[in-house]
């Protein structure tokens, strides 16, 4: 019984195979396919009662057919679908014009087959004017890789040739800029006629931050080409940082320039004021005075001011004044001899600290009504830091009437109305302009108290040195 069952099953399978493919028939029959060059072509072989389909190609003017897969057929050129009845040719070339593609459907059980062919007529494709897409500027950080892209819709009839696209940088061909082999270009054309070209720049430097032009070459354009410009710049964060640094540097330089201008202006104002006051106006106040005194001035000093007194004495004698000190007469060592020197001097210059003899000498000297009190730095009270800063641009001596602190007792009352001067620095360095101005003014104001005798002091000596 089991053997009979197996025999019955085998007979059913054989009869089923004979029934599935007995006489193959191709219902699509022979037909002609007209297509433009570079377009896609889809061939269909509609058959029934078959178990195998094969495709053959018969070129125009040939007698020998070539089975699939054809020698000119690659995976990206033509291929069969999962259904072998469909043959797709991606881009039809003019070489396929008037060639035949033969479809053979066969049945292995009966050994019968059927065939049909498709005549392919290829027409020359009419290209259209390319549609160039708008471009986008690119931002990048230094040291990174930048990719610049241009796109154009060329149409399905476009054939890729070289050159289609070219790249320029600031008017120079990209080959001239590619001295370090960091630039590379690429051109691709897809199935729909989209042409894409890219310019890749590796290890971007500041020299690469410029404008680049992608140029599409095509006869449809009036000038034979169209140009699109892409700007390569730093990314926003880097640009903002650079901008902040630039603004800070400019602000600092501007501030320094303003300070220098202000300081220079103040110095010029002070100098001009000094020139006007002491070179032009003040000399007119030096009226000629005739005196009948043996000495033009008496310099009365103590042991702590010997150096200053020697300097002052030499300066006055150098410009023609007759100056004496208490050592010039023996009697000058005591009070009576000092009073005698005061009587014989047209002016008394006091260069010493307060002591017991000060009141007597001041009372005697006050009768001459020409008394100058000179204070040195050691005699002055300490000056606060703020007052020092306020006096930076004051290029003048303190020459107002003397009004000393009230803590020194009766001597301050006797000294009221005297001319008070401060001993200036005698540093002769040419770089210390301010000290020279103060020193010149000191001697000028001192000479205002001294007599002007044509016999001893010439007119030019009165003017400031």
Protein backbone atom coordinates (compact mmCIF):
# COMPACT_ATOMS: atom_id res chain seq x y z
CA UNK A 1 0.00 0.00 0.00
CA UNK A 2 2.83 2.41 0.86
CA UNK A 3 4.51 1.75 -2.48
CA UNK A 4 1.30 2.52 -4.31
CA UNK A 5 0.98 5.86 -2.42
CA UNK A 6 4.46 7.00 -3.50
CA UNK A 7 3.74 6.12 -7.12
CA UNK A 8 0.49 8.09 -7.04
CA UNK A 9 2.29 11.17 -5.62
CA UNK A 10 4.97 11.02 -8.33
CA UNK A 11 2.37 10.87 -11.05
CA UNK A 12 0.64 13.99 -9.63
CA UNK A 13 3.89 15.98 -9.64
CA UNK A 14 4.71 15.02 -13.23
CA UNK A 15 1.23 15.82 -14.41
CA UNK A 16 1.36 19.16 -12.57
CA UNK A 17 4.69 20.07 -14.25
CA UNK A 18 3.31 19.15 -17.63
CA UNK A 19 0.25 21.28 -16.96
CA UNK A 20 2.29 24.42 -15.75
CA UNK A 21 4.44 24.81 -18.91
CA UNK A 22 3.34 23.14 -22.00
CA UNK A 23 3.43 25.65 -24.87
CA UNK A 24 5.07 29.02 -23.96
CA UNK A 25 3.39 32.10 -25.41
CA UNK A 26 4.75 35.73 -25.49
CA UNK A 27 1.70 37.93 -25.47
CA UNK A 28 3.60 41.22 -25.93
CA UNK A 29 4.78 40.04 -29.33
CA UNK A 30 7.27 42.00 -31.43
CA UNK A 31 7.25 45.79 -31.00
CA UNK A 32 9.37 48.89 -31.54
CA UNK A 33 10.66 51.13 -28.71
CA UNK A 34 11.58 54.75 -29.54
CA UNK A 35 13.79 56.48 -27.00
CA UNK A 36 16.03 59.55 -26.76
CA UNK A 37 19.73 59.21 -26.20
CA UNK A 38 20.78 59.11 -22.54
CA UNK A 39 17.25 58.26 -21.42
CA UNK A 40 16.22 55.11 -19.57
CA UNK A 41 14.67 52.17 -21.47
CA UNK A 42 12.55 49.44 -19.86
CA UNK A 43 11.93 46.27 -21.95
CA UNK A 44 9.01 43.95 -21.08
CA UNK A 45 8.55 40.32 -22.15
CA UNK A 46 4.97 39.27 -21.29
CA UNK A 47 4.93 35.42 -21.48
CA UNK A 48 2.84 32.51 -20.18
CA UNK A 49 3.34 28.76 -19.77
CA UNK A 50 7.10 28.94 -19.29
CA UNK A 51 9.62 28.15 -16.63
CA UNK A 52 12.60 30.09 -18.01
CA UNK A 53 13.20 33.40 -19.83
CA UNK A 54 16.42 34.50 -21.55
CA UNK A 55 17.41 37.79 -23.20
CA UNK A 56 19.65 38.20 -26.27
CA UNK A 57 21.04 41.27 -28.02
CA UNK A 58 21.48 41.55 -31.79
CA UNK A 59 23.39 44.73 -32.75
CA UNK A 60 22.50 46.55 -35.96
CA UNK A 61 24.23 45.01 -38.97
CA UNK A 62 25.32 41.90 -37.05
CA UNK A 63 24.17 38.29 -37.36
CA UNK A 64 25.49 36.91 -34.11
CA UNK A 65 23.40 37.37 -31.02
CA UNK A 66 24.87 37.94 -27.58
CA UNK A 67 23.18 36.49 -24.48
CA UNK A 68 22.62 38.43 -21.28
CA UNK A 69 24.75 39.58 -19.51
CA UNK A 70 25.98 41.64 -22.43
CA UNK A 71 29.61 42.76 -22.69
CA UNK A 72 28.61 46.42 -22.63
CA UNK A 73 26.15 45.91 -19.79
CA UNK A 74 27.37 46.71 -16.30
CA UNK A 75 25.53 46.81 -13.02
CA UNK A 76 25.14 50.58 -13.29
CA UNK A 77 24.23 50.41 -17.00
CA UNK A 78 21.62 47.67 -17.34
CA UNK A 79 20.21 44.85 -15.22
CA UNK A 80 17.32 42.38 -14.84
CA UNK A 81 14.75 42.83 -12.13
CA UNK A 82 13.76 39.99 -9.81
CA UNK A 83 11.19 39.25 -12.50
CA UNK A 84 13.35 38.19 -15.51
CA UNK A 85 10.68 39.45 -17.89
CA UNK A 86 11.86 43.06 -17.16
CA UNK A 87 15.19 44.34 -18.59
CA UNK A 88 16.22 47.91 -17.62
CA UNK A 89 18.81 49.93 -19.53
CA UNK A 90 19.83 52.94 -17.45
CA UNK A 91 21.14 55.18 -20.26
CA UNK A 92 20.58 54.41 -23.91
CA UNK A 93 23.47 55.31 -26.16
CA UNK A 94 23.28 56.00 -29.87
CA UNK A 95 25.20 52.74 -30.50
CA UNK A 96 22.01 50.81 -29.70
CA UNK A 97 20.11 52.45 -32.56
CA UNK A 98 18.23 49.85 -34.70
CA UNK A 99 19.47 46.97 -32.59
CA UNK A 100 17.17 44.17 -31.39
CA UNK A 101 16.62 42.73 -27.95
CA UNK A 102 15.20 39.15 -28.20
CA UNK A 103 13.19 37.53 -25.43
CA UNK A 104 12.98 33.66 -25.39
CA UNK A 105 10.47 31.89 -23.11
CA UNK A 106 10.98 28.10 -22.80
CA UNK A 107 9.43 25.10 -21.05
CA UNK A 108 11.93 22.51 -19.89
CA UNK A 109 9.26 19.82 -19.44
CA UNK A 110 8.13 19.87 -23.05
CA UNK A 111 11.23 21.38 -24.65
CA UNK A 112 9.08 23.95 -26.39
CA UNK A 113 9.89 27.73 -26.51
CA UNK A 114 8.62 31.01 -27.87
CA UNK A 115 10.45 34.22 -28.81
CA UNK A 116 9.75 37.85 -29.55
CA UNK A 117 11.96 40.87 -30.20
CA UNK A 118 12.01 44.62 -29.47
CA UNK A 119 13.46 46.95 -32.09
CA UNK A 120 15.11 49.91 -30.40
CA UNK A 121 15.26 53.24 -32.24
CA UNK A 122 17.46 55.83 -30.53
CA UNK A 123 16.87 59.49 -31.36
CA UNK A 124 19.38 62.21 -30.68
CA UNK A 125 18.55 63.90 -27.41
CA UNK A 126 17.98 67.68 -27.46
CA UNK A 127 19.80 69.26 -24.52
CA UNK A 128 18.27 72.17 -22.66
CA UNK A 129 19.72 75.23 -20.96
CA UNK A 130 21.08 74.18 -17.55
CA UNK A 131 19.29 75.45 -14.47
CA UNK A 132 22.00 76.45 -11.98
CA UNK A 133 20.92 76.30 -8.34
CA UNK A 134 21.68 79.08 -5.89
CA UNK A 135 24.79 78.59 -3.76
CA UNK A 136 25.37 78.95 -0.02
CA UNK A 137 28.33 80.57 1.68
CA UNK A 138 30.43 78.32 3.91
CA UNK A 139 31.75 78.98 7.42
CA UNK A 140 34.59 76.97 8.89
CA UNK A 141 37.11 77.03 11.72
CA UNK A 142 40.83 77.20 11.05
CA UNK A 143 42.42 73.79 10.61
CA UNK A 144 39.17 72.07 9.59
CA UNK A 145 38.02 70.86 6.15
CA UNK A 146 35.66 73.01 4.06
CA UNK A 147 33.44 71.72 1.23
CA UNK A 148 32.02 74.17 -1.32
CA UNK A 149 29.22 72.85 -3.56
CA UNK A 150 27.61 73.94 -6.84
CA UNK A 151 24.60 72.22 -8.44
CA UNK A 152 22.90 72.45 -11.83
CA UNK A 153 20.00 70.66 -13.51
CA UNK A 154 21.39 69.70 -16.93
CA UNK A 155 18.47 67.62 -18.25
CA UNK A 156 18.39 63.93 -19.09
CA UNK A 157 20.08 64.42 -22.47
CA UNK A 158 23.25 65.92 -21.00
CA UNK A 159 26.44 63.96 -21.49
CA UNK A 160 29.21 64.45 -18.99
CA UNK A 161 32.38 65.78 -20.57
CA UNK A 162 35.38 67.66 -19.32
CA UNK A 163 35.60 70.41 -18.36
CA UNK A 164 32.03 71.07 -17.23
CA UNK A 165 32.81 72.96 -14.05
CA UNK A 166 35.90 74.96 -13.17
CA UNK A 167 36.83 76.74 -9.92
CA UNK A 168 38.51 80.10 -9.39
CA UNK A 169 39.73 81.78 -6.21
CA UNK A 170 39.94 85.59 -6.29
CA UNK A 171 40.24 85.51 -10.06
CA UNK A 172 42.94 82.82 -10.15
CA UNK A 173 42.47 79.27 -11.39
CA UNK A 174 42.31 76.77 -8.56
CA UNK A 175 45.38 74.97 -9.91
CA UNK A 176 47.44 78.12 -9.27
CA UNK A 177 46.27 78.27 -5.65
CA UNK A 178 46.81 74.56 -5.00
CA UNK A 179 50.49 74.93 -4.15
CA UNK A 180 50.21 72.75 -1.02
CA UNK A 181 47.91 70.08 -2.54
CA UNK A 182 45.15 70.91 -0.08
CA UNK A 183 42.56 71.64 -2.78
CA UNK A 184 40.62 68.93 -4.66
CA UNK A 185 37.62 69.07 -7.03
CA UNK A 186 35.01 66.51 -8.06
CA UNK A 187 32.16 66.39 -10.62
CA UNK A 188 29.25 63.92 -10.62
CA UNK A 189 26.14 63.53 -12.81
CA UNK A 190 23.21 61.47 -11.51
CA UNK A 191 20.41 59.70 -13.40
CA UNK A 192 18.06 62.67 -13.33
CA UNK A 193 20.58 65.02 -14.93
CA UNK A 194 21.69 66.73 -11.70
CA UNK A 195 25.29 67.84 -12.04
CA UNK A 196 27.12 68.37 -8.74
CA UNK A 197 30.64 69.75 -8.37
CA UNK A 198 32.52 70.18 -5.09
CA UNK A 199 35.67 71.99 -4.02
CA UNK A 200 37.27 70.51 -0.90
CA UNK A 201 39.86 72.47 1.10
CA UNK A 202 41.75 70.62 3.82
CA UNK A 203 43.43 72.27 6.84
CA UNK A 204 41.87 75.69 6.22
CA UNK A 205 44.16 78.68 6.90
CA UNK A 206 43.50 82.41 6.98
CA UNK A 207 44.73 82.67 3.37
CA UNK A 208 41.83 80.43 2.30
CA UNK A 209 39.23 82.83 3.71
CA UNK A 210 38.24 84.44 0.41
CA UNK A 211 35.68 84.21 -2.38
CA UNK A 212 35.56 81.23 -4.76
CA UNK A 213 33.76 81.06 -8.12
CA UNK A 214 32.34 77.86 -9.60
CA UNK A 215 31.97 78.25 -13.36
CA UNK A 216 29.61 76.05 -15.41
CA UNK A 217 30.63 75.82 -19.06
CA UNK A 218 27.76 75.29 -21.54
CA UNK A 219 26.90 76.60 -25.01
CA UNK A 220 23.37 77.54 -23.94
CA UNK A 221 24.68 80.54 -22.00
CA UNK A 222 25.28 83.80 -23.86
CA UNK A 223 28.86 84.06 -22.63
CA UNK A 224 29.44 80.33 -22.81
CA UNK A 225 29.45 79.97 -19.06
CA UNK A 226 27.74 81.05 -15.85
CA UNK A 227 29.53 82.00 -12.62
CA UNK A 228 28.45 81.53 -9.00
CA UNK A 229 30.40 83.03 -6.07
CA UNK A 230 30.80 81.34 -2.68
CA UNK A 231 32.42 83.09 0.29
CA UNK A 232 34.48 81.06 2.74
CA UNK A 233 34.65 82.71 6.18
CA UNK A 234 35.35 81.87 9.82
CA UNK A 235 32.60 80.39 11.91
CA UNK A 236 30.51 82.81 13.97
CA UNK A 237 32.14 82.04 17.34
CA UNK A 238 35.63 82.55 15.95
CA UNK A 239 34.58 85.71 14.11
CA UNK A 240 33.01 87.15 17.25
CA UNK A 241 36.17 86.38 19.25
CA UNK A 242 38.36 88.02 16.61
CA UNK A 243 36.00 90.99 16.45
CA UNK A 244 36.07 91.37 20.25
CA UNK A 245 39.87 91.29 20.29
CA UNK A 246 40.01 93.83 17.48
CA UNK A 247 37.58 96.16 19.26
CA UNK A 248 39.56 95.86 22.51
CA UNK A 249 42.84 96.66 20.76
CA UNK A 250 41.34 99.63 18.91
CA UNK A 251 39.74 100.95 22.11
CA UNK A 252 43.04 100.64 24.02
CA UNK A 253 45.04 102.39 21.31
CA UNK A 254 42.40 105.11 21.04
CA UNK A 255 42.42 105.67 24.81
CA UNK A 256 46.21 105.91 24.90
CA UNK A 257 46.15 108.35 21.97
CA UNK A 258 43.54 110.51 23.72
CA UNK A 259 45.60 110.57 26.95
CA UNK A 260 48.73 111.56 25.03
CA UNK A 261 46.84 114.31 23.20
CA UNK A 262 45.39 115.67 26.46
CA UNK A 263 48.76 115.60 28.23
CA UNK A 264 50.45 117.30 25.28
CA UNK A 265 47.70 119.93 25.15
CA UNK A 266 48.03 120.70 28.86
CA UNK A 267 51.80 120.97 28.62
CA UNK A 268 51.52 123.29 25.64
CA UNK A 269 48.95 125.42 27.47
CA UNK A 270 51.18 125.67 30.53
CA UNK A 271 54.21 126.51 28.44
CA UNK A 272 52.32 129.14 26.43
CA UNK A 273 50.94 130.62 29.65
CA UNK A 274 54.45 130.78 31.08
CA UNK A 275 55.81 132.39 27.92
CA UNK A 276 53.05 134.99 27.89
CA UNK A 277 53.30 135.81 31.58
CA UNK A 278 57.04 135.76 32.08
CA UNK A 279 58.47 136.46 28.63
CA UNK A 280 56.08 139.13 27.38
CA UNK A 281 54.07 140.76 30.14
CA UNK A 282 56.27 140.45 33.22
CA UNK A 283 59.44 142.04 31.74
CA UNK A 284 57.47 145.27 31.26
CA UNK A 285 57.07 145.56 35.05
CA UNK A 286 60.83 145.78 35.60
CA UNK A 287 61.11 149.50 36.09
CA UNK A 288 64.55 150.94 36.42
CA UNK A 289 65.32 151.86 40.00
CA UNK A 290 68.38 153.87 41.05
CA UNK A 291 69.68 152.99 44.52
CA UNK A 292 72.48 154.42 46.64
CA UNK A 293 73.37 151.24 48.49
CA UNK A 294 76.75 149.59 48.76
CA UNK A 295 75.23 146.17 48.07
CA UNK A 296 72.41 145.10 45.80
CA UNK A 297 71.49 142.19 48.05
CA UNK A 298 72.40 140.57 51.36
CA UNK A 299 72.14 136.78 51.53
CA UNK A 300 71.61 135.82 55.16
CA UNK A 301 71.82 132.06 55.75
CA UNK A 302 72.59 129.56 58.49
CA UNK A 303 74.93 126.59 58.53
CA UNK A 304 72.28 124.21 57.15
CA UNK A 305 71.88 126.20 53.95
CA UNK A 306 75.48 126.84 52.98
CA UNK A 307 75.26 124.94 49.69
CA UNK A 308 72.09 126.73 48.56
CA UNK A 309 73.55 130.10 49.55
CA UNK A 310 76.74 129.42 47.56
CA UNK A 311 74.72 128.49 44.49
CA UNK A 312 72.52 131.57 44.78
CA UNK A 313 75.50 133.86 45.36
CA UNK A 314 77.33 132.56 42.30
CA UNK A 315 74.24 132.92 40.13
CA UNK A 316 73.56 136.53 41.12
CA UNK A 317 77.19 137.60 40.84
CA UNK A 318 77.37 135.95 37.40
CA UNK A 319 74.66 138.27 36.06
CA UNK A 320 76.23 141.39 37.58
CA UNK A 321 74.69 141.88 41.03
CA UNK A 322 76.71 142.93 44.05
CA UNK A 323 75.89 140.43 46.75
CA UNK A 324 77.26 140.19 50.26
CA UNK A 325 76.93 137.78 53.15
CA UNK A 326 77.36 138.26 56.86
CA UNK A 327 80.93 136.93 56.54
CA UNK A 328 81.97 139.82 54.26
CA UNK A 329 82.54 142.07 57.33
CA UNK A 330 83.87 140.99 60.65
CA UNK A 331 81.24 143.02 62.38
CA UNK A 332 78.66 140.99 60.49
CA UNK A 333 79.14 138.13 62.92
CA UNK A 334 77.26 140.00 65.66
CA UNK A 335 73.84 141.58 65.54
CA UNK A 336 75.06 145.16 65.14
CA UNK A 337 77.32 144.25 62.25
CA UNK A 338 74.42 142.36 60.62
CA UNK A 339 72.17 145.40 60.99
CA UNK A 340 74.85 147.50 59.32
CA UNK A 341 74.92 145.12 56.36
CA UNK A 342 71.12 145.30 56.14
CA UNK A 343 71.25 149.11 56.06
CA UNK A 344 73.84 149.03 53.26
CA UNK A 345 71.89 146.47 51.14
CA UNK A 346 69.02 147.25 48.78
CA UNK A 347 67.45 143.81 49.35
CA UNK A 348 67.65 141.17 52.05
CA UNK A 349 67.44 137.50 51.03
CA UNK A 350 66.82 135.17 53.98
CA UNK A 351 67.79 131.53 53.54
CA UNK A 352 67.63 129.87 56.94
CA UNK A 353 65.37 128.28 59.49
CA UNK A 354 63.60 130.13 62.30
CA UNK A 355 65.86 130.86 65.30
CA UNK A 356 66.23 133.45 68.04
CA UNK A 357 67.68 136.18 65.80
CA UNK A 358 64.93 135.90 63.19
CA UNK A 359 62.58 138.47 64.78
CA UNK A 360 65.25 141.11 65.19
CA UNK A 361 66.57 140.70 61.66
CA UNK A 362 63.10 140.72 60.15
CA UNK A 363 62.14 143.90 61.99
CA UNK A 364 65.29 145.59 60.73
CA UNK A 365 65.01 144.24 57.20
CA UNK A 366 61.37 145.24 56.97
CA UNK A 367 62.39 148.87 56.85
CA UNK A 368 63.95 148.25 53.44
CA UNK A 369 60.59 146.93 52.19
CA UNK A 370 62.49 144.55 49.95
CA UNK A 371 62.72 141.21 51.72
CA UNK A 372 62.72 137.72 50.16
CA UNK A 373 62.24 134.61 52.25
CA UNK A 374 63.48 131.42 50.58
CA UNK A 375 62.44 128.03 51.88
CA UNK A 376 64.07 124.76 50.92
CA UNK A 377 62.44 121.38 50.64
CA UNK A 378 63.68 120.41 54.08
CA UNK A 379 61.94 123.46 55.58
CA UNK A 380 58.54 122.70 54.05
CA UNK A 381 55.78 120.78 55.83
CA UNK A 382 54.95 117.37 54.34
CA UNK A 383 52.78 117.54 51.25
CA UNK A 384 49.95 115.10 50.86
CA UNK A 385 49.95 112.72 47.89
CA UNK A 386 46.81 114.31 46.46
CA UNK A 387 48.44 117.76 46.49
CA UNK A 388 51.46 116.35 44.65
CA UNK A 389 49.22 114.96 41.92
CA UNK A 390 47.35 118.28 41.63
CA UNK A 391 50.67 120.11 41.12
CA UNK A 392 51.89 117.95 38.24
CA UNK A 393 50.79 120.44 35.57
CA UNK A 394 51.46 123.61 37.62
CA UNK A 395 54.65 124.92 36.06
CA UNK A 396 55.03 127.86 38.40
CA UNK A 397 56.60 128.70 41.77
CA UNK A 398 54.58 129.62 44.79
CA UNK A 399 55.12 133.38 44.69
CA UNK A 400 52.11 134.76 46.49
CA UNK A 401 52.51 136.74 49.64
CA UNK A 402 53.78 134.57 52.39
CA UNK A 403 51.12 133.32 54.80
CA UNK A 404 52.80 130.69 57.02
CA UNK A 405 51.01 128.43 59.50
CA UNK A 406 49.85 130.15 62.66
CA UNK A 407 51.63 127.66 64.90
CA UNK A 408 55.00 129.46 64.69
CA UNK A 409 54.04 132.32 66.99
CA UNK A 410 55.02 135.95 66.58
CA UNK A 411 57.40 135.38 63.71
CA UNK A 412 54.48 134.74 61.39
CA UNK A 413 53.02 138.18 62.10
CA UNK A 414 56.32 139.92 61.28
CA UNK A 415 56.72 137.96 58.03
CA UNK A 416 53.34 138.98 56.64
CA UNK A 417 53.63 140.64 53.24
CA UNK A 418 57.15 139.36 52.48
CA UNK A 419 57.84 137.66 49.17
CA UNK A 420 58.22 133.94 49.73
CA UNK A 421 60.02 131.71 47.21
CA UNK A 422 60.81 128.03 47.25
CA UNK A 423 64.31 126.89 46.43
CA UNK A 424 64.15 125.15 43.01
CA UNK A 425 66.05 122.13 41.80
CA UNK A 426 69.31 122.99 40.06
CA UNK A 427 69.44 119.76 38.06
CA UNK A 428 70.76 120.82 34.62
CA UNK A 429 69.58 117.71 32.80
CA UNK A 430 68.12 118.63 29.41
CA UNK A 431 65.33 116.06 29.85
CA UNK A 432 63.84 117.78 32.92
CA UNK A 433 61.97 120.59 31.21
CA UNK A 434 59.60 121.30 34.08
CA UNK A 435 62.40 121.87 36.59
CA UNK A 436 64.10 124.31 34.22
CA UNK A 437 60.90 126.35 33.89
CA UNK A 438 60.49 126.49 37.67
CA UNK A 439 64.14 127.48 38.11
CA UNK A 440 63.92 130.27 35.51
CA UNK A 441 60.77 131.64 37.13
CA UNK A 442 62.42 131.55 40.56
CA UNK A 443 65.31 133.77 39.45
CA UNK A 444 63.00 136.05 37.53
CA UNK A 445 60.84 136.71 40.58
CA UNK A 446 63.90 137.10 42.73
CA UNK A 447 65.23 139.81 40.37
CA UNK A 448 61.95 141.67 40.72
CA UNK A 449 63.04 142.45 44.30
CA UNK A 450 66.59 143.35 43.36
CA UNK A 451 67.53 146.87 42.14
CA UNK A 452 68.12 147.47 38.48
CA UNK A 453 71.19 149.65 38.04
CA UNK A 454 72.44 150.24 34.56
CA UNK A 455 75.96 150.35 35.90
CA UNK A 456 75.83 146.79 37.17
CA UNK A 457 72.98 144.99 35.47
CA UNK A 458 72.43 145.33 31.73
CA UNK A 459 68.94 145.26 30.28
CA UNK A 460 69.39 141.83 28.68
CA UNK A 461 70.19 140.32 32.06
CA UNK A 462 66.77 141.28 33.32
CA UNK A 463 65.07 139.09 30.75
CA UNK A 464 64.70 135.45 31.70
CA UNK A 465 67.47 133.12 30.63
